[in-house]
Amino acid sequence: MEQKSRSRARPRGREWRAAAGVSMLACALLAAPAAHAAPTPTAQAQNQARAQAPAQAPSVEETSTADSHAVLVNPERPLDPIDYVPEDLVEVGGTGVELVAPAADAVEELLSAARDAGHDLVAESGYRSYDRQAELFRGYVAQYGTAYAERISADPGTSEHQLGLAVDVGLASGKCSLHRCFGDTPAGAWVAEHAEDYGFILRYPDGHSETTGYAYEPWHLRYLGPETTADFAASDAATYDEYVAALETAADVVSEPLPSFLPPEPNPTEPNPTDAGGEELEPVRQDLSWLPRWLLEGTARR
């Protein structure tokens, strides 16, 4: 399936992003893709390593770089370049669905594990080029008008599918395909519980359309990689948009210099400075206690 039916609540300007920061803390392919073989023993070993990967937050630069697994793209943050094409697209197990290689490996592992658990899942949609997305969007505008088209389809250059890191999964039977009722099926519940084991997150969770710009999509998985997924899962963020807003705000705070009138950090080899009355002055520290615990710990790790 080329295009999923998507109901989107359009964010107003940059208000959703500001709200998230405050609440948290403030195209065609260049070459024909190769068929992607079934996971090899090496791939299985990589999957085991992925499951044991330590949590690690991405840098702010990585969340803004198109070829990073951690890039954030949404209606307010289009891709740069707008017609970006991933370099390492491969086919997922003879399905015709394309993803970047690490995401393809991971989704094959996920689908295999789902089958072992009794859920017959398939990959329904993956990479879509800018040109294909533009073609689809124009068709919806011609058929329904711009307002409705923007509720059911992403503007070209703002779709996660253009990254080659997003995959829509569904039941092989077609039941609840690309509908919210997929989340109510046993298979949908399994996906929600285990996606992070394979480096994916549920990108558009229920009840957060004001932040993400999209309605609940239990079928839409976004590959972030094992380290970022683990860090996101350990955070207080409900959406990836909030998570990135928190990282950006923290980076701004940490990089902000202390006012010049404050005394310098004490030299451990010298006595602490004293005031005019001879009392020792307390060392000056930036108060970061208002930052979320998970972000403070991540800052300390780096």
C-alpha atoms as a PDB file:
ATOM      1  CA  MET A   1       0.000   0.000   0.000  1.00  0.00           C
ATOM      2  CA  GLU A   2       1.507   3.304  -1.094  1.00  0.00           C
ATOM      3  CA  GLN A   3      -0.410   5.721   1.086  1.00  0.00           C
ATOM      4  CA  LYS A   4      -1.957   5.287   4.459  1.00  0.00           C
ATOM      5  CA  SER A   5      -5.142   7.017   5.519  1.00  0.00           C
ATOM      6  CA  ARG A   6      -4.113   9.485   8.176  1.00  0.00           C
ATOM      7  CA  SER A   7      -6.218  11.866  10.234  1.00  0.00           C
ATOM      8  CA  ARG A   8      -4.147  14.789  11.367  1.00  0.00           C
ATOM      9  CA  ALA A   9      -4.781  17.613  13.766  1.00  0.00           C
ATOM     10  CA  ARG A  10      -2.765  20.494  12.359  1.00  0.00           C
ATOM     11  CA  PRO A  11      -0.664  22.296  14.960  1.00  0.00           C
ATOM     12  CA  ARG A  12      -1.042  26.050  15.101  1.00  0.00           C
ATOM     13  CA  GLY A  13       2.258  27.639  14.069  1.00  0.00           C
ATOM     14  CA  ARG A  14       4.971  26.737  16.538  1.00  0.00           C
ATOM     15  CA  GLU A  15       2.654  26.696  19.548  1.00  0.00           C
ATOM     16  CA  TRP A  16       2.818  22.911  20.011  1.00  0.00           C
ATOM     17  CA  ARG A  17       6.598  22.976  20.047  1.00  0.00           C
ATOM     18  CA  ALA A  18       6.723  25.796  22.583  1.00  0.00           C
ATOM     19  CA  ALA A  19       4.190  24.002  24.773  1.00  0.00           C
ATOM     20  CA  ALA A  20       6.214  20.818  24.629  1.00  0.00           C
ATOM     21  CA  GLY A  21       9.412  22.613  25.616  1.00  0.00           C
ATOM     22  CA  VAL A  22       7.719  24.351  28.541  1.00  0.00           C
ATOM     23  CA  SER A  23       6.004  21.227  29.799  1.00  0.00           C
ATOM     24  CA  MET A  24       9.175  19.158  29.572  1.00  0.00           C
ATOM     25  CA  LEU A  25      11.564  21.855  30.640  1.00  0.00           C
ATOM     26  CA  ALA A  26      11.166  23.997  28.968  1.00  0.00           C
ATOM     27  CA  CYS A  27      12.936  11.802  -5.216  1.00  0.00           C
ATOM     28  CA  ALA A  28      13.514   8.974  -6.974  1.00  0.00           C
ATOM     29  CA  LEU A  29      16.286   6.610  -5.885  1.00  0.00           C
ATOM     30  CA  LEU A  30      19.771   7.228  -7.242  1.00  0.00           C
ATOM     31  CA  ALA A  31      20.198   3.516  -7.957  1.00  0.00           C
ATOM     32  CA  ALA A  32      17.944   0.467  -7.884  1.00  0.00           C
ATOM     33  CA  PRO A  33      17.883  -0.978  -4.322  1.00  0.00           C
ATOM     34  CA  ALA A  34      19.189  -4.465  -3.708  1.00  0.00           C
ATOM     35  CA  ALA A  35      16.905  -7.190  -2.412  1.00  0.00           C
ATOM     36  CA  HIS A  36      17.272  -7.601   1.323  1.00  0.00           C
ATOM     37  CA  ALA A  37      18.014 -11.142   2.397  1.00  0.00           C
ATOM     38  CA  ALA A  38      16.692 -12.853   5.503  1.00  0.00           C
ATOM     39  CA  PRO A  39      18.641 -12.055   8.671  1.00  0.00           C
ATOM     40  CA  THR A  40      21.957 -13.900   8.792  1.00  0.00           C
ATOM     41  CA  PRO A  41      23.636 -15.215  11.950  1.00  0.00           C
ATOM     42  CA  THR A  42      25.612 -11.969  11.917  1.00  0.00           C
ATOM     43  CA  ALA A  43      22.369  -9.977  11.830  1.00  0.00           C
ATOM     44  CA  GLN A  44      21.024 -12.060  14.695  1.00  0.00           C
ATOM     45  CA  ALA A  45      24.149 -11.317  16.699  1.00  0.00           C
ATOM     46  CA  GLN A  46      23.672  -7.637  15.917  1.00  0.00           C
ATOM     47  CA  ASN A  47      20.107  -7.872  17.179  1.00  0.00           C
ATOM     48  CA  GLN A  48      21.318  -9.334  20.463  1.00  0.00           C
ATOM     49  CA  ALA A  49      23.826  -6.521  20.783  1.00  0.00           C
ATOM     50  CA  ARG A  50      21.039  -4.055  19.981  1.00  0.00           C
ATOM     51  CA  ALA A  51      18.930  -5.405  22.822  1.00  0.00           C
ATOM     52  CA  GLN A  52      21.839  -4.879  25.220  1.00  0.00           C
ATOM     53  CA  ALA A  53      22.783  -1.428  23.938  1.00  0.00           C
ATOM     54  CA  PRO A  54      23.129   1.280  26.605  1.00  0.00           C
ATOM     55  CA  ALA A  55      20.768   4.231  26.564  1.00  0.00           C
ATOM     56  CA  GLN A  56      22.324   7.244  24.881  1.00  0.00           C
ATOM     57  CA  ALA A  57      20.649  10.505  23.942  1.00  0.00           C
ATOM     58  CA  PRO A  58      21.465  11.911  20.486  1.00  0.00           C
ATOM     59  CA  SER A  59      23.053  15.292  20.049  1.00  0.00           C
ATOM     60  CA  VAL A  60      20.883  18.237  19.044  1.00  0.00           C
ATOM     61  CA  GLU A  61      22.695  18.277  15.705  1.00  0.00           C
ATOM     62  CA  GLU A  62      21.701  14.654  15.071  1.00  0.00           C
ATOM     63  CA  THR A  63      18.024  15.481  15.641  1.00  0.00           C
ATOM     64  CA  SER A  64      18.243  18.052  12.836  1.00  0.00           C
ATOM     65  CA  THR A  65      20.331  16.100  10.304  1.00  0.00           C
ATOM     66  CA  ALA A  66      18.365  14.293   7.594  1.00  0.00           C
ATOM     67  CA  ASP A  67      20.616  11.225   7.382  1.00  0.00           C
ATOM     68  CA  SER A  68      20.663  10.682  11.161  1.00  0.00           C
ATOM     69  CA  HIS A  69      18.503   7.941  12.658  1.00  0.00           C
ATOM     70  CA  ALA A  70      17.522  10.454  15.343  1.00  0.00           C
ATOM     71  CA  VAL A  71      16.273  13.242  13.058  1.00  0.00           C
ATOM     72  CA  LEU A  72      12.918  14.765  13.960  1.00  0.00           C
ATOM     73  CA  VAL A  73      10.617  15.581  11.050  1.00  0.00           C
ATOM     74  CA  ASN A  74       7.079  16.891  11.362  1.00  0.00           C
ATOM     75  CA  PRO A  75       4.889  19.646   9.852  1.00  0.00           C
ATOM     76  CA  GLU A  76       6.956  22.296  11.639  1.00  0.00           C
ATOM     77  CA  ARG A  77      10.345  20.721  10.876  1.00  0.00           C
ATOM     78  CA  PRO A  78      10.580  19.780   7.188  1.00  0.00           C
ATOM     79  CA  LEU A  79      13.541  17.856   5.885  1.00  0.00           C
ATOM     80  CA  ASP A  80      16.677  19.647   4.742  1.00  0.00           C
ATOM     81  CA  PRO A  81      17.127  19.171   1.868  1.00  0.00           C
ATOM     82  CA  ILE A  82      13.400  19.015   1.230  1.00  0.00           C
ATOM     83  CA  ASP A  83      13.834  16.294  -1.427  1.00  0.00           C
ATOM     84  CA  TYR A  84      16.186  14.180   0.683  1.00  0.00           C
ATOM     85  CA  VAL A  85      16.786  10.593  -0.496  1.00  0.00           C
ATOM     86  CA  PRO A  86      18.382   7.986   1.803  1.00  0.00           C
ATOM     87  CA  GLU A  87      21.491   6.321   0.370  1.00  0.00           C
ATOM     88  CA  ASP A  88      21.159   2.777   1.742  1.00  0.00           C
ATOM     89  CA  LEU A  89      17.605   1.719   0.905  1.00  0.00           C
ATOM     90  CA  VAL A  90      17.000  -2.027   0.714  1.00  0.00           C
ATOM     91  CA  GLU A  91      13.938  -4.181   0.267  1.00  0.00           C
ATOM     92  CA  VAL A  92      12.398  -5.822   3.311  1.00  0.00           C
ATOM     93  CA  GLY A  93      12.287  -9.558   2.664  1.00  0.00           C
ATOM     94  CA  GLY A  94      10.775  -9.553  -0.840  1.00  0.00           C
ATOM     95  CA  THR A  95       7.789  -7.405   0.197  1.00  0.00           C
ATOM     96  CA  GLY A  96       8.475  -4.467  -2.108  1.00  0.00           C
ATOM     97  CA  VAL A  97       8.691  -2.257   0.998  1.00  0.00           C
ATOM     98  CA  GLU A  98      11.964  -0.336   1.249  1.00  0.00           C
ATOM     99  CA  LEU A  99      13.765   0.971   4.338  1.00  0.00           C
ATOM    100  CA  VAL A 100      17.302   1.982   5.182  1.00  0.00           C
ATOM    101  CA  ALA A 101      19.371  -1.114   5.944  1.00  0.00           C
ATOM    102  CA  PRO A 102      19.459  -0.994   9.783  1.00  0.00           C
ATOM    103  CA  ALA A 103      15.707  -0.378   9.936  1.00  0.00           C
ATOM    104  CA  ALA A 104      15.075  -3.189   7.438  1.00  0.00           C
ATOM    105  CA  ASP A 105      17.096  -5.628   9.557  1.00  0.00           C
ATOM    106  CA  ALA A 106      15.259  -4.522  12.676  1.00  0.00           C
ATOM    107  CA  VAL A 107      11.760  -4.802  11.209  1.00  0.00           C
ATOM    108  CA  GLU A 108      12.508  -8.287   9.876  1.00  0.00           C
ATOM    109  CA  GLU A 109      13.559  -9.301  13.368  1.00  0.00           C
ATOM    110  CA  LEU A 110      10.414  -7.732  14.790  1.00  0.00           C
ATOM    111  CA  LEU A 111       8.122  -9.500  12.319  1.00  0.00           C
ATOM    112  CA  SER A 112       9.875 -12.816  12.977  1.00  0.00           C
ATOM    113  CA  ALA A 113       9.470 -12.414  16.728  1.00  0.00           C
ATOM    114  CA  ALA A 114       5.812 -11.498  16.245  1.00  0.00           C
ATOM    115  CA  ARG A 115       5.254 -14.701  14.268  1.00  0.00           C
ATOM    116  CA  ASP A 116       6.921 -16.695  17.051  1.00  0.00           C
ATOM    117  CA  ALA A 117       4.460 -15.071  19.445  1.00  0.00           C
ATOM    118  CA  GLY A 118       1.506 -16.066  17.233  1.00  0.00           C
ATOM    119  CA  HIS A 119       0.946 -12.786  15.381  1.00  0.00           C
ATOM    120  CA  ASP A 120       1.098 -12.832  11.575  1.00  0.00           C
ATOM    121  CA  LEU A 121       2.268  -9.315  10.776  1.00  0.00           C
ATOM    122  CA  VAL A 122       3.496  -7.756   7.538  1.00  0.00           C
ATOM    123  CA  ALA A 123       5.209  -4.531   6.542  1.00  0.00           C
ATOM    124  CA  GLU A 124       2.632  -2.555   4.580  1.00  0.00           C
ATOM    125  CA  SER A 125       4.474   0.663   3.755  1.00  0.00           C
ATOM    126  CA  GLY A 126       7.974   2.047   4.118  1.00  0.00           C
ATOM    127  CA  TYR A 127      10.009   4.571   2.136  1.00  0.00           C
ATOM    128  CA  ARG A 128       8.229   7.099  -0.079  1.00  0.00           C
ATOM    129  CA  SER A 129      10.147   9.636  -2.123  1.00  0.00           C
ATOM    130  CA  TYR A 130       9.436  13.359  -2.105  1.00  0.00           C
ATOM    131  CA  ASP A 131       8.107  13.136  -5.664  1.00  0.00           C
ATOM    132  CA  ARG A 132       5.779  10.242  -4.822  1.00  0.00           C
ATOM    133  CA  GLN A 133       4.504  12.028  -1.720  1.00  0.00           C
ATOM    134  CA  ALA A 134       3.936  15.203  -3.739  1.00  0.00           C
ATOM    135  CA  GLU A 135       2.007  13.225  -6.357  1.00  0.00           C
ATOM    136  CA  LEU A 136      -0.199  11.638  -3.707  1.00  0.00           C
ATOM    137  CA  PHE A 137      -0.773  14.931  -1.943  1.00  0.00           C
ATOM    138  CA  ARG A 138      -1.763  16.708  -5.169  1.00  0.00           C
ATOM    139  CA  GLY A 139      -4.212  13.931  -5.894  1.00  0.00           C
ATOM    140  CA  TYR A 140      -5.867  14.313  -2.517  1.00  0.00           C
ATOM    141  CA  VAL A 141      -6.040  18.097  -2.902  1.00  0.00           C
ATOM    142  CA  ALA A 142      -7.711  17.713  -6.292  1.00  0.00           C
ATOM    143  CA  GLN A 143     -10.179  15.187  -4.922  1.00  0.00           C
ATOM    144  CA  TYR A 144     -10.979  16.604  -1.488  1.00  0.00           C
ATOM    145  CA  GLY A 145      -9.564  20.129  -1.271  1.00  0.00           C
ATOM    146  CA  THR A 146      -6.514  21.305   0.640  1.00  0.00           C
ATOM    147  CA  ALA A 147      -8.032  21.360   4.130  1.00  0.00           C
ATOM    148  CA  TYR A 148      -9.115  17.723   4.061  1.00  0.00           C
ATOM    149  CA  ALA A 149      -5.988  16.618   2.172  1.00  0.00           C
ATOM    150  CA  GLU A 150      -3.846  17.999   4.987  1.00  0.00           C
ATOM    151  CA  ARG A 151      -5.761  15.863   7.484  1.00  0.00           C
ATOM    152  CA  ILE A 152      -5.160  12.572   5.709  1.00  0.00           C
ATOM    153  CA  SER A 153      -1.758  13.020   4.047  1.00  0.00           C
ATOM    154  CA  ALA A 154       1.583  14.582   4.935  1.00  0.00           C
ATOM    155  CA  ASP A 155       2.877  17.519   2.938  1.00  0.00           C
ATOM    156  CA  PRO A 156       5.842  16.453   0.787  1.00  0.00           C
ATOM    157  CA  GLY A 157       9.082  16.980   2.656  1.00  0.00           C
ATOM    158  CA  THR A 158       7.468  16.510   6.077  1.00  0.00           C
ATOM    159  CA  SER A 159       6.735  12.783   6.000  1.00  0.00           C
ATOM    160  CA  GLU A 160       8.731  10.312   8.102  1.00  0.00           C
ATOM    161  CA  HIS A 161       8.338   7.817   5.277  1.00  0.00           C
ATOM    162  CA  GLN A 162      10.727   9.934   3.189  1.00  0.00           C
ATOM    163  CA  LEU A 163      13.463   9.122   5.739  1.00  0.00           C
ATOM    164  CA  GLY A 164      13.259   5.391   5.055  1.00  0.00           C
ATOM    165  CA  LEU A 165      13.037   4.959   8.837  1.00  0.00           C
ATOM    166  CA  ALA A 166       9.257   4.645   9.225  1.00  0.00           C
ATOM    167  CA  VAL A 167       7.284   1.469   8.610  1.00  0.00           C
ATOM    168  CA  ASP A 168       3.564   0.767   8.755  1.00  0.00           C
ATOM    169  CA  VAL A 169       2.827  -2.730  10.032  1.00  0.00           C
ATOM    170  CA  GLY A 170      -0.429  -4.634   9.967  1.00  0.00           C
ATOM    171  CA  LEU A 171      -2.058  -8.035  10.131  1.00  0.00           C
ATOM    172  CA  ALA A 172      -1.515 -10.262   7.116  1.00  0.00           C
ATOM    173  CA  SER A 173      -5.287 -10.794   7.049  1.00  0.00           C
ATOM    174  CA  GLY A 174      -5.812  -7.072   6.405  1.00  0.00           C
ATOM    175  CA  LYS A 175      -7.993  -6.696   9.502  1.00  0.00           C
ATOM    176  CA  CYS A 176      -7.858  -3.119  10.842  1.00  0.00           C
ATOM    177  CA  SER A 177      -5.214  -2.231   8.263  1.00  0.00           C
ATOM    178  CA  LEU A 178      -4.014   1.341   8.875  1.00  0.00           C
ATOM    179  CA  HIS A 179      -6.880   1.959  11.295  1.00  0.00           C
ATOM    180  CA  ARG A 180      -6.792   2.738  15.000  1.00  0.00           C
ATOM    181  CA  CYS A 181      -8.554  -0.553  15.771  1.00  0.00           C
ATOM    182  CA  PHE A 182      -5.227  -2.265  15.010  1.00  0.00           C
ATOM    183  CA  GLY A 183      -4.111  -1.061  18.436  1.00  0.00           C
ATOM    184  CA  ASP A 184      -6.956  -3.028  20.039  1.00  0.00           C
ATOM    185  CA  THR A 185      -5.911  -6.339  18.480  1.00  0.00           C
ATOM    186  CA  PRO A 186      -3.551  -8.754  20.289  1.00  0.00           C
ATOM    187  CA  ALA A 187      -1.012  -8.140  17.526  1.00  0.00           C
ATOM    188  CA  GLY A 188      -1.268  -4.366  17.970  1.00  0.00           C
ATOM    189  CA  ALA A 189      -0.787  -4.710  21.708  1.00  0.00           C
ATOM    190  CA  TRP A 190       2.287  -6.896  21.100  1.00  0.00           C
ATOM    191  CA  VAL A 191       3.757  -4.292  18.744  1.00  0.00           C
ATOM    192  CA  ALA A 192       3.215  -1.499  21.270  1.00  0.00           C
ATOM    193  CA  GLU A 193       4.938  -3.540  23.979  1.00  0.00           C
ATOM    194  CA  HIS A 194       7.878  -4.887  21.983  1.00  0.00           C
ATOM    195  CA  ALA A 195       8.689  -2.282  19.308  1.00  0.00           C
ATOM    196  CA  GLU A 196      11.394  -0.711  21.454  1.00  0.00           C
ATOM    197  CA  ASP A 197      13.163  -4.084  21.725  1.00  0.00           C
ATOM    198  CA  TYR A 198      14.053  -3.634  18.046  1.00  0.00           C
ATOM    199  CA  GLY A 199      14.927   0.068  18.057  1.00  0.00           C
ATOM    200  CA  PHE A 200      11.458   1.366  17.113  1.00  0.00           C
ATOM    201  CA  ILE A 201       9.010   3.658  18.870  1.00  0.00           C
ATOM    202  CA  LEU A 202       5.283   4.128  18.400  1.00  0.00           C
ATOM    203  CA  ARG A 203       5.620   7.549  16.808  1.00  0.00           C
ATOM    204  CA  TYR A 204       2.043   8.824  17.125  1.00  0.00           C
ATOM    205  CA  PRO A 205       0.635   7.594  20.467  1.00  0.00           C
ATOM    206  CA  ASP A 206      -2.971   7.952  21.529  1.00  0.00           C
ATOM    207  CA  GLY A 207      -3.982  11.255  23.089  1.00  0.00           C
ATOM    208  CA  HIS A 208      -1.040  13.337  21.869  1.00  0.00           C
ATOM    209  CA  SER A 209      -2.166  14.704  18.506  1.00  0.00           C
ATOM    210  CA  GLU A 210      -1.773  18.296  19.702  1.00  0.00           C
ATOM    211  CA  THR A 211       1.941  17.632  20.120  1.00  0.00           C
ATOM    212  CA  THR A 212       2.679  15.330  17.182  1.00  0.00           C
ATOM    213  CA  GLY A 213       0.274  16.916  14.689  1.00  0.00           C
ATOM    214  CA  TYR A 214      -1.212  13.508  13.875  1.00  0.00           C
ATOM    215  CA  ALA A 215      -3.958  11.304  15.237  1.00  0.00           C
ATOM    216  CA  TYR A 216      -3.208   8.023  16.991  1.00  0.00           C
ATOM    217  CA  GLU A 217      -1.486   5.591  14.620  1.00  0.00           C
ATOM    218  CA  PRO A 218      -0.770   2.253  16.302  1.00  0.00           C
ATOM    219  CA  TRP A 219       0.593   0.862  13.037  1.00  0.00           C
ATOM    220  CA  HIS A 220       3.255   3.546  12.417  1.00  0.00           C
ATOM    221  CA  LEU A 221       6.684   2.666  13.817  1.00  0.00           C
ATOM    222  CA  ARG A 222       9.733   4.890  13.647  1.00  0.00           C
ATOM    223  CA  TYR A 223      13.258   3.481  13.816  1.00  0.00           C
ATOM    224  CA  LEU A 224      15.580   5.496  16.072  1.00  0.00           C
ATOM    225  CA  GLY A 225      18.237   2.889  16.732  1.00  0.00           C
ATOM    226  CA  PRO A 226      18.811   1.007  19.995  1.00  0.00           C
ATOM    227  CA  GLU A 227      20.626   3.671  22.017  1.00  0.00           C
ATOM    228  CA  THR A 228      18.204   6.527  21.317  1.00  0.00           C
ATOM    229  CA  THR A 229      15.185   4.244  21.713  1.00  0.00           C
ATOM    230  CA  ALA A 230      16.439   3.062  25.108  1.00  0.00           C
ATOM    231  CA  ASP A 231      17.041   6.649  26.231  1.00  0.00           C
ATOM    232  CA  PHE A 232      13.606   7.736  25.012  1.00  0.00           C
ATOM    233  CA  ALA A 233      11.952   4.810  26.799  1.00  0.00           C
ATOM    234  CA  ALA A 234      13.703   5.769  30.049  1.00  0.00           C
ATOM    235  CA  SER A 235      12.661   9.423  29.739  1.00  0.00           C
ATOM    236  CA  ASP A 236       9.550  11.217  30.925  1.00  0.00           C
ATOM    237  CA  ALA A 237       8.628  12.164  27.340  1.00  0.00           C
ATOM    238  CA  ALA A 238       5.357  10.877  25.917  1.00  0.00           C
ATOM    239  CA  THR A 239       6.293  11.716  22.318  1.00  0.00           C
ATOM    240  CA  TYR A 240       9.485  12.044  20.328  1.00  0.00           C
ATOM    241  CA  ASP A 241       8.607  15.692  19.701  1.00  0.00           C
ATOM    242  CA  GLU A 242       8.693  16.369  23.458  1.00  0.00           C
ATOM    243  CA  TYR A 243      11.871  14.371  23.876  1.00  0.00           C
ATOM    244  CA  VAL A 244      13.728  16.410  21.246  1.00  0.00           C
ATOM    245  CA  ALA A 245      12.325  19.679  22.638  1.00  0.00           C
ATOM    246  CA  ALA A 246      13.743  18.689  26.031  1.00  0.00           C
ATOM    247  CA  LEU A 247      17.159  17.941  24.560  1.00  0.00           C
ATOM    248  CA  GLU A 248      17.213  21.280  22.745  1.00  0.00           C
ATOM    249  CA  THR A 249      16.202  23.221  25.838  1.00  0.00           C
ATOM    250  CA  ALA A 250      18.791  21.466  27.973  1.00  0.00           C
ATOM    251  CA  ALA A 251      21.488  22.137  25.381  1.00  0.00           C
ATOM    252  CA  ASP A 252      20.595  25.841  25.420  1.00  0.00           C
ATOM    253  CA  VAL A 253      20.795  25.941  29.232  1.00  0.00           C
ATOM    254  CA  VAL A 254      24.107  24.105  29.447  1.00  0.00           C
ATOM    255  CA  SER A 255      25.696  26.207  26.703  1.00  0.00           C
ATOM    256  CA  GLU A 256      24.543  29.518  28.215  1.00  0.00           C
ATOM    257  CA  PRO A 257      27.507  31.221  29.924  1.00  0.00           C
ATOM    258  CA  LEU A 258      27.292  32.335  33.543  1.00  0.00           C
ATOM    259  CA  PRO A 259      26.922  36.097  34.024  1.00  0.00           C
ATOM    260  CA  SER A 260      30.298  37.827  34.109  1.00  0.00           C
ATOM    261  CA  PHE A 261      29.643  39.426  37.495  1.00  0.00           C
ATOM    262  CA  LEU A 262      29.555  36.052  39.253  1.00  0.00           C
ATOM    263  CA  PRO A 263      32.793  34.932  40.935  1.00  0.00           C
ATOM    264  CA  PRO A 264      34.782  32.217  39.142  1.00  0.00           C
ATOM    265  CA  GLU A 265      34.761  28.561  40.108  1.00  0.00           C
ATOM    266  CA  PRO A 266      37.110  28.012  43.076  1.00  0.00           C
ATOM    267  CA  ASN A 267      40.572  26.574  42.459  1.00  0.00           C
ATOM    268  CA  PRO A 268      40.899  23.424  44.617  1.00  0.00           C
ATOM    269  CA  THR A 269      44.559  24.283  45.271  1.00  0.00           C
ATOM    270  CA  GLU A 270      43.677  27.692  46.716  1.00  0.00           C
ATOM    271  CA  PRO A 271      41.632  28.689  49.803  1.00  0.00           C
ATOM    272  CA  ASN A 272      38.011  29.546  49.176  1.00  0.00           C
ATOM    273  CA  PRO A 273      37.462  33.276  48.610  1.00  0.00           C
ATOM    274  CA  THR A 274      36.017  35.316  51.442  1.00  0.00           C
ATOM    275  CA  ASP A 275      33.779  38.342  51.594  1.00  0.00           C
ATOM    276  CA  ALA A 276      34.647  41.645  53.253  1.00  0.00           C
ATOM    277  CA  GLY A 277      33.788  40.237  56.684  1.00  0.00           C
ATOM    278  CA  GLY A 278      36.043  37.228  56.315  1.00  0.00           C
ATOM    279  CA  GLU A 279      33.241  34.699  55.714  1.00  0.00           C
ATOM    280  CA  GLU A 280      33.891  32.024  53.112  1.00  0.00           C
ATOM    281  CA  LEU A 281      31.827  32.417  49.942  1.00  0.00           C
ATOM    282  CA  GLU A 282      29.852  29.427  48.750  1.00  0.00           C
ATOM    283  CA  PRO A 283      30.990  28.085  45.351  1.00  0.00           C
ATOM    284  CA  VAL A 284      28.671  29.165  42.526  1.00  0.00           C
ATOM    285  CA  ARG A 285      26.881  26.440  40.625  1.00  0.00           C
ATOM    286  CA  GLN A 286      24.246  26.532  37.925  1.00  0.00           C
ATOM    287  CA  ASP A 287      20.991  25.284  39.395  1.00  0.00           C
ATOM    288  CA  LEU A 288      19.831  22.528  37.033  1.00  0.00           C
ATOM    289  CA  SER A 289      17.594  20.790  39.583  1.00  0.00           C
ATOM    290  CA  TRP A 290      14.521  21.759  37.578  1.00  0.00           C
ATOM    291  CA  LEU A 291      15.630  19.567  34.657  1.00  0.00           C
ATOM    292  CA  PRO A 292      14.063  16.072  34.417  1.00  0.00           C
ATOM    293  CA  ARG A 293      16.073  13.358  36.138  1.00  0.00           C
ATOM    294  CA  TRP A 294      16.588  11.369  32.924  1.00  0.00           C
ATOM    295  CA  LEU A 295      18.026  14.384  31.153  1.00  0.00           C
ATOM    296  CA  LEU A 296      20.352  15.289  34.028  1.00  0.00           C
ATOM    297  CA  GLU A 297      21.684  11.737  34.038  1.00  0.00           C
ATOM    298  CA  GLY A 298      22.170  11.839  30.265  1.00  0.00           C
ATOM    299  CA  THR A 299      24.021  15.155  30.527  1.00  0.00           C
ATOM    300  CA  ALA A 300      26.256  13.696  33.220  1.00  0.00           C
ATOM    301  CA  ARG A 301      27.052  10.681  31.000  1.00  0.00           C
ATOM    302  CA  ARG A 302      28.209  12.959  28.198  1.00  0.00           C
END
